[in-house]
Amino acid sequence: MLLVNINHIPGKDIEVLGIVKGNVVQSKNVGRDIMAGVKGLVGGELTGYTEMLTEAREIATKRMIDEAEKMGADAILQVQFSSAAIMQGAAEIIAYGTAVKYK
């Protein structure tokens, strides 16, 4: 599945199938919270949170691709990611774009 953040695929005629999305709500664990508290005092990257968000983006992307494949898509255009705090200690990541089929 081709994923791009442009409006078209050069050299391809496409048929728009519709919007596809994938999301996940990921929570922090106690170990990451403790280390984040320490890092908050001394500064530096919160690698536990970085890893958590990277994993969440991968899950959301896979779910978006799965939805596009069910529609018979060849590619997803205008792929974007968004995140939001759902509650204390949990965040939602959503991946979305436009599923297209080559003509």
PDB file of N, CA and C in Angstrom:
ATOM      1  N   MET A   1       0.864  -1.185   0.000  1.00  0.00           N
ATOM      2  CA  MET A   1       0.000   0.000   0.000  1.00  0.00           C
ATOM      3  C   MET A   1       0.901   1.236   0.000  1.00  0.00           C
ATOM      4  N   LEU A   2       0.694   2.083  -0.990  1.00  0.00           N
ATOM      5  CA  LEU A   2       1.449   3.332  -1.070  1.00  0.00           C
ATOM      6  C   LEU A   2       0.780   4.366  -0.163  1.00  0.00           C
ATOM      7  N   LEU A   3       1.560   4.973   0.724  1.00  0.00           N
ATOM      8  CA  LEU A   3       1.068   6.044   1.599  1.00  0.00           C
ATOM      9  C   LEU A   3       1.821   7.312   1.235  1.00  0.00           C
ATOM     10  N   VAL A   4       1.087   8.372   0.884  1.00  0.00           N
ATOM     11  CA  VAL A   4       1.723   9.637   0.526  1.00  0.00           C
ATOM     12  C   VAL A   4       0.951  10.805   1.141  1.00  0.00           C
ATOM     13  N   ASN A   5       1.635  11.928   1.230  1.00  0.00           N
ATOM     14  CA  ASN A   5       1.005  13.127   1.765  1.00  0.00           C
ATOM     15  C   ASN A   5       0.907  14.192   0.668  1.00  0.00           C
ATOM     16  N   ILE A   6       0.455  13.740  -0.505  1.00  0.00           N
ATOM     17  CA  ILE A   6       0.227  14.635  -1.641  1.00  0.00           C
ATOM     18  C   ILE A   6      -1.167  14.370  -2.187  1.00  0.00           C
ATOM     19  N   ASN A   7      -1.647  15.248  -3.084  1.00  0.00           N
ATOM     20  CA  ASN A   7      -3.012  15.144  -3.615  1.00  0.00           C
ATOM     21  C   ASN A   7      -3.165  14.195  -4.784  1.00  0.00           C
ATOM     22  N   HIS A   8      -2.058  13.775  -5.380  1.00  0.00           N
ATOM     23  CA  HIS A   8      -2.127  12.916  -6.559  1.00  0.00           C
ATOM     24  C   HIS A   8      -0.877  12.041  -6.604  1.00  0.00           C
ATOM     25  N   ILE A   9      -0.914  11.060  -7.492  1.00  0.00           N
ATOM     26  CA  ILE A   9       0.254  10.219  -7.714  1.00  0.00           C
ATOM     27  C   ILE A   9       0.703  10.497  -9.143  1.00  0.00           C
ATOM     28  N   PRO A  10       1.868  11.079  -9.316  1.00  0.00           N
ATOM     29  CA  PRO A  10       2.334  11.431 -10.662  1.00  0.00           C
ATOM     30  C   PRO A  10       2.283  10.233 -11.606  1.00  0.00           C
ATOM     31  N   GLY A  11       1.686  10.461 -12.776  1.00  0.00           N
ATOM     32  CA  GLY A  11       1.614   9.428 -13.793  1.00  0.00           C
ATOM     33  C   GLY A  11       0.499   8.414 -13.607  1.00  0.00           C
ATOM     34  N   LYS A  12      -0.348   8.581 -12.604  1.00  0.00           N
ATOM     35  CA  LYS A  12      -1.434   7.626 -12.346  1.00  0.00           C
ATOM     36  C   LYS A  12      -2.779   8.335 -12.400  1.00  0.00           C
ATOM     37  N   ASP A  13      -3.729   7.706 -13.089  1.00  0.00           N
ATOM     38  CA  ASP A  13      -5.117   8.141 -13.007  1.00  0.00           C
ATOM     39  C   ASP A  13      -5.728   7.372 -11.843  1.00  0.00           C
ATOM     40  N   ILE A  14      -6.493   8.076 -11.016  1.00  0.00           N
ATOM     41  CA  ILE A  14      -7.024   7.437  -9.814  1.00  0.00           C
ATOM     42  C   ILE A  14      -8.527   7.614  -9.695  1.00  0.00           C
ATOM     43  N   GLU A  15      -9.116   6.702  -8.966  1.00  0.00           N
ATOM     44  CA  GLU A  15     -10.524   6.785  -8.582  1.00  0.00           C
ATOM     45  C   GLU A  15     -10.550   6.923  -7.068  1.00  0.00           C
ATOM     46  N   VAL A  16     -11.222   7.933  -6.570  1.00  0.00           N
ATOM     47  CA  VAL A  16     -11.311   8.150  -5.121  1.00  0.00           C
ATOM     48  C   VAL A  16     -12.341   7.189  -4.532  1.00  0.00           C
ATOM     49  N   LEU A  17     -11.934   6.459  -3.504  1.00  0.00           N
ATOM     50  CA  LEU A  17     -12.827   5.513  -2.839  1.00  0.00           C
ATOM     51  C   LEU A  17     -13.439   6.081  -1.564  1.00  0.00           C
ATOM     52  N   GLY A  18     -12.730   6.995  -0.910  1.00  0.00           N
ATOM     53  CA  GLY A  18     -13.257   7.608   0.307  1.00  0.00           C
ATOM     54  C   GLY A  18     -12.201   7.750   1.393  1.00  0.00           C
ATOM     55  N   ILE A  19     -12.627   8.328   2.474  1.00  0.00           N
ATOM     56  CA  ILE A  19     -11.730   8.555   3.624  1.00  0.00           C
ATOM     57  C   ILE A  19     -11.557   7.257   4.395  1.00  0.00           C
ATOM     58  N   VAL A  20     -10.320   7.007   4.813  1.00  0.00           N
ATOM     59  CA  VAL A  20     -10.018   5.868   5.679  1.00  0.00           C
ATOM     60  C   VAL A  20      -9.303   6.390   6.914  1.00  0.00           C
ATOM     61  N   LYS A  21      -9.468   5.666   8.004  1.00  0.00           N
ATOM     62  CA  LYS A  21      -8.844   6.099   9.252  1.00  0.00           C
ATOM     63  C   LYS A  21      -8.515   4.886  10.104  1.00  0.00           C
ATOM     64  N   GLY A  22      -7.609   5.106  11.020  1.00  0.00           N
ATOM     65  CA  GLY A  22      -7.272   4.107  12.021  1.00  0.00           C
ATOM     66  C   GLY A  22      -6.901   4.850  13.284  1.00  0.00           C
ATOM     67  N   ASN A  23      -7.344   4.342  14.416  1.00  0.00           N
ATOM     68  CA  ASN A  23      -7.003   5.042  15.648  1.00  0.00           C
ATOM     69  C   ASN A  23      -6.675   4.050  16.749  1.00  0.00           C
ATOM     70  N   VAL A  24      -6.024   4.569  17.775  1.00  0.00           N
ATOM     71  CA  VAL A  24      -5.687   3.785  18.959  1.00  0.00           C
ATOM     72  C   VAL A  24      -5.619   4.745  20.140  1.00  0.00           C
ATOM     73  N   VAL A  25      -6.068   4.274  21.281  1.00  0.00           N
ATOM     74  CA  VAL A  25      -5.904   5.027  22.528  1.00  0.00           C
ATOM     75  C   VAL A  25      -4.865   4.280  23.340  1.00  0.00           C
ATOM     76  N   GLN A  26      -3.782   4.964  23.650  1.00  0.00           N
ATOM     77  CA  GLN A  26      -2.651   4.348  24.341  1.00  0.00           C
ATOM     78  C   GLN A  26      -2.512   5.006  25.701  1.00  0.00           C
ATOM     79  N   SER A  27      -2.207   4.194  26.710  1.00  0.00           N
ATOM     80  CA  SER A  27      -2.015   4.758  28.050  1.00  0.00           C
ATOM     81  C   SER A  27      -0.576   4.584  28.498  1.00  0.00           C
ATOM     82  N   LYS A  28      -0.184   5.407  29.436  1.00  0.00           N
ATOM     83  CA  LYS A  28       1.150   5.327  30.021  1.00  0.00           C
ATOM     84  C   LYS A  28       1.147   4.216  31.064  1.00  0.00           C
ATOM     85  N   ASN A  29       2.337   3.662  31.323  1.00  0.00           N
ATOM     86  CA  ASN A  29       2.415   2.701  32.425  1.00  0.00           C
ATOM     87  C   ASN A  29       3.190   3.305  33.584  1.00  0.00           C
ATOM     88  N   VAL A  30       3.109   2.697  34.717  1.00  0.00           N
ATOM     89  CA  VAL A  30       3.709   3.247  35.942  1.00  0.00           C
ATOM     90  C   VAL A  30       5.210   3.446  35.797  1.00  0.00           C
ATOM     91  N   GLY A  31       5.891   2.482  35.195  1.00  0.00           N
ATOM     92  CA  GLY A  31       7.341   2.600  35.012  1.00  0.00           C
ATOM     93  C   GLY A  31       7.705   3.815  34.181  1.00  0.00           C
ATOM     94  N   ARG A  32       6.965   4.055  33.126  1.00  0.00           N
ATOM     95  CA  ARG A  32       7.233   5.225  32.283  1.00  0.00           C
ATOM     96  C   ARG A  32       6.922   6.509  33.050  1.00  0.00           C
ATOM     97  N   ASP A  33       5.877   6.504  33.857  1.00  0.00           N
ATOM     98  CA  ASP A  33       5.531   7.693  34.640  1.00  0.00           C
ATOM     99  C   ASP A  33       6.636   8.052  35.622  1.00  0.00           C
ATOM    100  N   ILE A  34       7.200   7.049  36.273  1.00  0.00           N
ATOM    101  CA  ILE A  34       8.274   7.308  37.246  1.00  0.00           C
ATOM    102  C   ILE A  34       9.483   7.901  36.541  1.00  0.00           C
ATOM    103  N   MET A  35       9.892   7.289  35.426  1.00  0.00           N
ATOM    104  CA  MET A  35      11.047   7.792  34.683  1.00  0.00           C
ATOM    105  C   MET A  35      10.771   9.182  34.110  1.00  0.00           C
ATOM    106  N   ALA A  36       9.543   9.428  33.664  1.00  0.00           N
ATOM    107  CA  ALA A  36       9.193  10.749  33.133  1.00  0.00           C
ATOM    108  C   ALA A  36       9.300  11.794  34.230  1.00  0.00           C
ATOM    109  N   GLY A  37       8.892  11.437  35.442  1.00  0.00           N
ATOM    110  CA  GLY A  37       9.010  12.371  36.564  1.00  0.00           C
ATOM    111  C   GLY A  37      10.452  12.738  36.834  1.00  0.00           C
ATOM    112  N   VAL A  38      11.338  11.755  36.778  1.00  0.00           N
ATOM    113  CA  VAL A  38      12.764  12.008  36.986  1.00  0.00           C
ATOM    114  C   VAL A  38      13.308  12.876  35.863  1.00  0.00           C
ATOM    115  N   LYS A  39      12.968  12.542  34.621  1.00  0.00           N
ATOM    116  CA  LYS A  39      13.438  13.330  33.472  1.00  0.00           C
ATOM    117  C   LYS A  39      12.899  14.756  33.538  1.00  0.00           C
ATOM    118  N   GLY A  40      11.687  14.907  34.065  1.00  0.00           N
ATOM    119  CA  GLY A  40      11.111  16.237  34.200  1.00  0.00           C
ATOM    120  C   GLY A  40      11.934  17.125  35.121  1.00  0.00           C
ATOM    121  N   LEU A  41      12.605  16.512  36.062  1.00  0.00           N
ATOM    122  CA  LEU A  41      13.449  17.272  36.992  1.00  0.00           C
ATOM    123  C   LEU A  41      14.796  17.620  36.385  1.00  0.00           C
ATOM    124  N   VAL A  42      15.373  16.708  35.612  1.00  0.00           N
ATOM    125  CA  VAL A  42      16.723  16.920  35.100  1.00  0.00           C
ATOM    126  C   VAL A  42      16.761  17.291  33.621  1.00  0.00           C
ATOM    127  N   GLY A  43      15.663  17.109  32.922  1.00  0.00           N
ATOM    128  CA  GLY A  43      15.599  17.439  31.498  1.00  0.00           C
ATOM    129  C   GLY A  43      16.012  16.264  30.628  1.00  0.00           C
ATOM    130  N   GLY A  44      15.688  16.335  29.371  1.00  0.00           N
ATOM    131  CA  GLY A  44      16.037  15.280  28.422  1.00  0.00           C
ATOM    132  C   GLY A  44      14.802  14.671  27.783  1.00  0.00           C
ATOM    133  N   GLU A  45      15.058  13.841  26.790  1.00  0.00           N
ATOM    134  CA  GLU A  45      13.959  13.183  26.072  1.00  0.00           C
ATOM    135  C   GLU A  45      13.290  12.149  26.961  1.00  0.00           C
ATOM    136  N   LEU A  46      11.985  12.093  26.877  1.00  0.00           N
ATOM    137  CA  LEU A  46      11.205  11.088  27.589  1.00  0.00           C
ATOM    138  C   LEU A  46      11.065   9.886  26.656  1.00  0.00           C
ATOM    139  N   THR A  47      12.090   9.046  26.599  1.00  0.00           N
ATOM    140  CA  THR A  47      12.148   7.972  25.614  1.00  0.00           C
ATOM    141  C   THR A  47      11.003   6.981  25.771  1.00  0.00           C
ATOM    142  N   GLY A  48      10.538   6.746  26.982  1.00  0.00           N
ATOM    143  CA  GLY A  48       9.405   5.842  27.178  1.00  0.00           C
ATOM    144  C   GLY A  48       8.165   6.358  26.470  1.00  0.00           C
ATOM    145  N   TYR A  49       7.933   7.660  26.553  1.00  0.00           N
ATOM    146  CA  TYR A  49       6.778   8.253  25.882  1.00  0.00           C
ATOM    147  C   TYR A  49       6.985   8.271  24.365  1.00  0.00           C
ATOM    148  N   THR A  50       8.208   8.544  23.932  1.00  0.00           N
ATOM    149  CA  THR A  50       8.498   8.524  22.501  1.00  0.00           C
ATOM    150  C   THR A  50       8.206   7.143  21.931  1.00  0.00           C
ATOM    151  N   GLU A  51       8.662   6.104  22.623  1.00  0.00           N
ATOM    152  CA  GLU A  51       8.410   4.734  22.173  1.00  0.00           C
ATOM    153  C   GLU A  51       6.910   4.428  22.168  1.00  0.00           C
ATOM    154  N   MET A  52       6.198   4.878  23.201  1.00  0.00           N
ATOM    155  CA  MET A  52       4.764   4.634  23.282  1.00  0.00           C
ATOM    156  C   MET A  52       4.038   5.282  22.101  1.00  0.00           C
ATOM    157  N   LEU A  53       4.388   6.527  21.784  1.00  0.00           N
ATOM    158  CA  LEU A  53       3.722   7.231  20.685  1.00  0.00           C
ATOM    159  C   LEU A  53       4.108   6.656  19.320  1.00  0.00           C
ATOM    160  N   THR A  54       5.348   6.210  19.176  1.00  0.00           N
ATOM    161  CA  THR A  54       5.771   5.559  17.936  1.00  0.00           C
ATOM    162  C   THR A  54       4.964   4.290  17.717  1.00  0.00           C
ATOM    163  N   GLU A  55       4.813   3.491  18.760  1.00  0.00           N
ATOM    164  CA  GLU A  55       4.020   2.263  18.666  1.00  0.00           C
ATOM    165  C   GLU A  55       2.558   2.592  18.345  1.00  0.00           C
ATOM    166  N   ALA A  56       2.022   3.615  18.967  1.00  0.00           N
ATOM    167  CA  ALA A  56       0.624   4.001  18.725  1.00  0.00           C
ATOM    168  C   ALA A  56       0.432   4.445  17.276  1.00  0.00           C
ATOM    169  N   ARG A  57       1.377   5.216  16.725  1.00  0.00           N
ATOM    170  CA  ARG A  57       1.276   5.637  15.315  1.00  0.00           C
ATOM    171  C   ARG A  57       1.317   4.433  14.384  1.00  0.00           C
ATOM    172  N   GLU A  58       2.177   3.459  14.696  1.00  0.00           N
ATOM    173  CA  GLU A  58       2.258   2.256  13.869  1.00  0.00           C
ATOM    174  C   GLU A  58       0.945   1.474  13.886  1.00  0.00           C
ATOM    175  N   ILE A  59       0.328   1.360  15.046  1.00  0.00           N
ATOM    176  CA  ILE A  59      -0.951   0.654  15.163  1.00  0.00           C
ATOM    177  C   ILE A  59      -2.033   1.390  14.387  1.00  0.00           C
ATOM    178  N   ALA A  60      -2.117   2.708  14.563  1.00  0.00           N
ATOM    179  CA  ALA A  60      -3.126   3.507  13.866  1.00  0.00           C
ATOM    180  C   ALA A  60      -2.929   3.421  12.349  1.00  0.00           C
ATOM    181  N   THR A  61      -1.679   3.454  11.895  1.00  0.00           N
ATOM    182  CA  THR A  61      -1.393   3.356  10.462  1.00  0.00           C
ATOM    183  C   THR A  61      -1.824   1.999   9.923  1.00  0.00           C
ATOM    184  N   LYS A  62      -1.515   0.940  10.639  1.00  0.00           N
ATOM    185  CA  LYS A  62      -1.919  -0.408  10.207  1.00  0.00           C
ATOM    186  C   LYS A  62      -3.428  -0.517  10.103  1.00  0.00           C
ATOM    187  N   ARG A  63      -4.144   0.034  11.065  1.00  0.00           N
ATOM    188  CA  ARG A  63      -5.611  -0.016  11.029  1.00  0.00           C
ATOM    189  C   ARG A  63      -6.163   0.774   9.846  1.00  0.00           C
ATOM    190  N   MET A  64      -5.538   1.910   9.520  1.00  0.00           N
ATOM    191  CA  MET A  64      -5.955   2.702   8.362  1.00  0.00           C
ATOM    192  C   MET A  64      -5.725   1.905   7.076  1.00  0.00           C
ATOM    193  N   ILE A  65      -4.570   1.270   6.970  1.00  0.00           N
ATOM    194  CA  ILE A  65      -4.251   0.463   5.789  1.00  0.00           C
ATOM    195  C   ILE A  65      -5.232  -0.696   5.661  1.00  0.00           C
ATOM    196  N   ASP A  66      -5.530  -1.361   6.765  1.00  0.00           N
ATOM    197  CA  ASP A  66      -6.485  -2.476   6.738  1.00  0.00           C
ATOM    198  C   ASP A  66      -7.843  -2.025   6.196  1.00  0.00           C
ATOM    199  N   GLU A  67      -8.302  -0.845   6.625  1.00  0.00           N
ATOM    200  CA  GLU A  67      -9.580  -0.318   6.144  1.00  0.00           C
ATOM    201  C   GLU A  67      -9.518  -0.037   4.643  1.00  0.00           C
ATOM    202  N   ALA A  68      -8.399   0.524   4.194  1.00  0.00           N
ATOM    203  CA  ALA A  68      -8.238   0.825   2.764  1.00  0.00           C
ATOM    204  C   ALA A  68      -8.198  -0.455   1.931  1.00  0.00           C
ATOM    205  N   GLU A  69      -7.516  -1.477   2.437  1.00  0.00           N
ATOM    206  CA  GLU A  69      -7.448  -2.746   1.707  1.00  0.00           C
ATOM    207  C   GLU A  69      -8.826  -3.381   1.561  1.00  0.00           C
ATOM    208  N   LYS A  70      -9.672  -3.250   2.587  1.00  0.00           N
ATOM    209  CA  LYS A  70     -11.038  -3.780   2.503  1.00  0.00           C
ATOM    210  C   LYS A  70     -11.842  -3.084   1.407  1.00  0.00           C
ATOM    211  N   MET A  71     -11.489  -1.832   1.112  1.00  0.00           N
ATOM    212  CA  MET A  71     -12.168  -1.078   0.058  1.00  0.00           C
ATOM    213  C   MET A  71     -11.576  -1.369  -1.320  1.00  0.00           C
ATOM    214  N   GLY A  72     -10.469  -2.100  -1.368  1.00  0.00           N
ATOM    215  CA  GLY A  72      -9.802  -2.385  -2.634  1.00  0.00           C
ATOM    216  C   GLY A  72      -8.854  -1.298  -3.081  1.00  0.00           C
ATOM    217  N   ALA A  73      -8.364  -0.491  -2.163  1.00  0.00           N
ATOM    218  CA  ALA A  73      -7.493   0.636  -2.498  1.00  0.00           C
ATOM    219  C   ALA A  73      -6.083   0.172  -2.878  1.00  0.00           C
ATOM    220  N   ASP A  74      -5.445   0.972  -3.710  1.00  0.00           N
ATOM    221  CA  ASP A  74      -4.048   0.769  -4.075  1.00  0.00           C
ATOM    222  C   ASP A  74      -3.125   1.722  -3.324  1.00  0.00           C
ATOM    223  N   ALA A  75      -3.685   2.839  -2.869  1.00  0.00           N
ATOM    224  CA  ALA A  75      -2.880   3.863  -2.204  1.00  0.00           C
ATOM    225  C   ALA A  75      -3.764   4.701  -1.284  1.00  0.00           C
ATOM    226  N   ILE A  76      -3.102   5.426  -0.395  1.00  0.00           N
ATOM    227  CA  ILE A  76      -3.796   6.386   0.462  1.00  0.00           C
ATOM    228  C   ILE A  76      -3.089   7.725   0.298  1.00  0.00           C
ATOM    229  N   LEU A  77      -3.867   8.738  -0.113  1.00  0.00           N
ATOM    230  CA  LEU A  77      -3.335  10.084  -0.324  1.00  0.00           C
ATOM    231  C   LEU A  77      -3.617  10.956   0.892  1.00  0.00           C
ATOM    232  N   GLN A  78      -2.849  12.039   0.993  1.00  0.00           N
ATOM    233  CA  GLN A  78      -3.030  13.031   2.063  1.00  0.00           C
ATOM    234  C   GLN A  78      -3.029  12.389   3.460  1.00  0.00           C
ATOM    235  N   VAL A  79      -2.099  11.475   3.690  1.00  0.00           N
ATOM    236  CA  VAL A  79      -1.997  10.807   4.992  1.00  0.00           C
ATOM    237  C   VAL A  79      -1.578  11.823   6.047  1.00  0.00           C
ATOM    238  N   GLN A  80      -2.334  11.837   7.130  1.00  0.00           N
ATOM    239  CA  GLN A  80      -2.046  12.749   8.241  1.00  0.00           C
ATOM    240  C   GLN A  80      -2.247  12.021   9.565  1.00  0.00           C
ATOM    241  N   PHE A  81      -1.639  12.561  10.591  1.00  0.00           N
ATOM    242  CA  PHE A  81      -1.771  12.029  11.947  1.00  0.00           C
ATOM    243  C   PHE A  81      -2.242  13.141  12.865  1.00  0.00           C
ATOM    244  N   SER A  82      -3.021  12.759  13.858  1.00  0.00           N
ATOM    245  CA  SER A  82      -3.483  13.707  14.854  1.00  0.00           C
ATOM    246  C   SER A  82      -3.472  13.009  16.207  1.00  0.00           C
ATOM    247  N   SER A  83      -3.312  13.780  17.251  1.00  0.00           N
ATOM    248  CA  SER A  83      -3.348  13.197  18.589  1.00  0.00           C
ATOM    249  C   SER A  83      -4.152  14.098  19.506  1.00  0.00           C
ATOM    250  N   ALA A  84      -4.687  13.472  20.551  1.00  0.00           N
ATOM    251  CA  ALA A  84      -5.471  14.215  21.530  1.00  0.00           C
ATOM    252  C   ALA A  84      -5.378  13.499  22.872  1.00  0.00           C
ATOM    253  N   ALA A  85      -5.372  14.280  23.926  1.00  0.00           N
ATOM    254  CA  ALA A  85      -5.429  13.704  25.272  1.00  0.00           C
ATOM    255  C   ALA A  85      -6.865  13.284  25.527  1.00  0.00           C
ATOM    256  N   ILE A  86      -7.063  12.030  25.907  1.00  0.00           N
ATOM    257  CA  ILE A  86      -8.395  11.500  26.165  1.00  0.00           C
ATOM    258  C   ILE A  86      -8.749  11.670  27.637  1.00  0.00           C
ATOM    259  N   MET A  87      -7.782  11.376  28.482  1.00  0.00           N
ATOM    260  CA  MET A  87      -7.932  11.512  29.929  1.00  0.00           C
ATOM    261  C   MET A  87      -6.533  11.553  30.509  1.00  0.00           C
ATOM    262  N   GLN A  88      -6.412  11.781  31.780  1.00  0.00           N
ATOM    263  CA  GLN A  88      -5.098  11.803  32.419  1.00  0.00           C
ATOM    264  C   GLN A  88      -4.387  10.482  32.138  1.00  0.00           C
ATOM    265  N   GLY A  89      -3.234  10.553  31.491  1.00  0.00           N
ATOM    266  CA  GLY A  89      -2.443   9.362  31.256  1.00  0.00           C
ATOM    267  C   GLY A  89      -2.777   8.584  30.003  1.00  0.00           C
ATOM    268  N   ALA A  90      -3.677   9.091  29.142  1.00  0.00           N
ATOM    269  CA  ALA A  90      -4.021   8.374  27.909  1.00  0.00           C
ATOM    270  C   ALA A  90      -4.171   9.356  26.754  1.00  0.00           C
ATOM    271  N   ALA A  91      -3.716   8.925  25.587  1.00  0.00           N
ATOM    272  CA  ALA A  91      -3.804   9.767  24.396  1.00  0.00           C
ATOM    273  C   ALA A  91      -4.314   8.941  23.228  1.00  0.00           C
ATOM    274  N   GLU A  92      -5.038   9.607  22.329  1.00  0.00           N
ATOM    275  CA  GLU A  92      -5.502   8.963  21.106  1.00  0.00           C
ATOM    276  C   GLU A  92      -4.622   9.432  19.953  1.00  0.00           C
ATOM    277  N   ILE A  93      -4.241   8.490  19.111  1.00  0.00           N
ATOM    278  CA  ILE A  93      -3.557   8.800  17.859  1.00  0.00           C
ATOM    279  C   ILE A  93      -4.481   8.341  16.749  1.00  0.00           C
ATOM    280  N   ILE A  94      -4.694   9.195  15.758  1.00  0.00           N
ATOM    281  CA  ILE A  94      -5.506   8.821  14.599  1.00  0.00           C
ATOM    282  C   ILE A  94      -4.698   9.083  13.335  1.00  0.00           C
ATOM    283  N   ALA A  95      -4.745   8.127  12.428  1.00  0.00           N
ATOM    284  CA  ALA A  95      -4.149   8.274  11.104  1.00  0.00           C
ATOM    285  C   ALA A  95      -5.305   8.290  10.114  1.00  0.00           C
ATOM    286  N   TYR A  96      -5.253   9.204   9.141  1.00  0.00           N
ATOM    287  CA  TYR A  96      -6.346   9.278   8.182  1.00  0.00           C
ATOM    288  C   TYR A  96      -5.846   9.778   6.832  1.00  0.00           C
ATOM    289  N   GLY A  97      -6.613   9.457   5.810  1.00  0.00           N
ATOM    290  CA  GLY A  97      -6.265   9.883   4.468  1.00  0.00           C
ATOM    291  C   GLY A  97      -7.375   9.480   3.491  1.00  0.00           C
ATOM    292  N   THR A  98      -7.104   9.656   2.202  1.00  0.00           N
ATOM    293  CA  THR A  98      -8.064   9.342   1.156  1.00  0.00           C
ATOM    294  C   THR A  98      -7.611   8.088   0.410  1.00  0.00           C
ATOM    295  N   ALA A  99      -8.440   7.055   0.461  1.00  0.00           N
ATOM    296  CA  ALA A  99      -8.149   5.812  -0.247  1.00  0.00           C
ATOM    297  C   ALA A  99      -8.456   5.991  -1.731  1.00  0.00           C
ATOM    298  N   VAL A 100      -7.542   5.518  -2.578  1.00  0.00           N
ATOM    299  CA  VAL A 100      -7.728   5.613  -4.029  1.00  0.00           C
ATOM    300  C   VAL A 100      -7.376   4.286  -4.690  1.00  0.00           C
ATOM    301  N   LYS A 101      -7.953   4.100  -5.865  1.00  0.00           N
ATOM    302  CA  LYS A 101      -7.666   2.919  -6.685  1.00  0.00           C
ATOM    303  C   LYS A 101      -7.140   3.421  -8.010  1.00  0.00           C
ATOM    304  N   TYR A 102      -6.112   2.739  -8.545  1.00  0.00           N
ATOM    305  CA  TYR A 102      -5.582   3.099  -9.861  1.00  0.00           C
ATOM    306  C   TYR A 102      -6.578   2.683 -10.937  1.00  0.00           C
ATOM    307  N   LYS A 103      -6.739   3.535 -11.953  1.00  0.00           N
ATOM    308  CA  LYS A 103      -7.617   3.209 -13.089  1.00  0.00           C
ATOM    309  C   LYS A 103      -6.861   2.391 -14.110  1.00  0.00           C
TER     310      LYS A 103
END
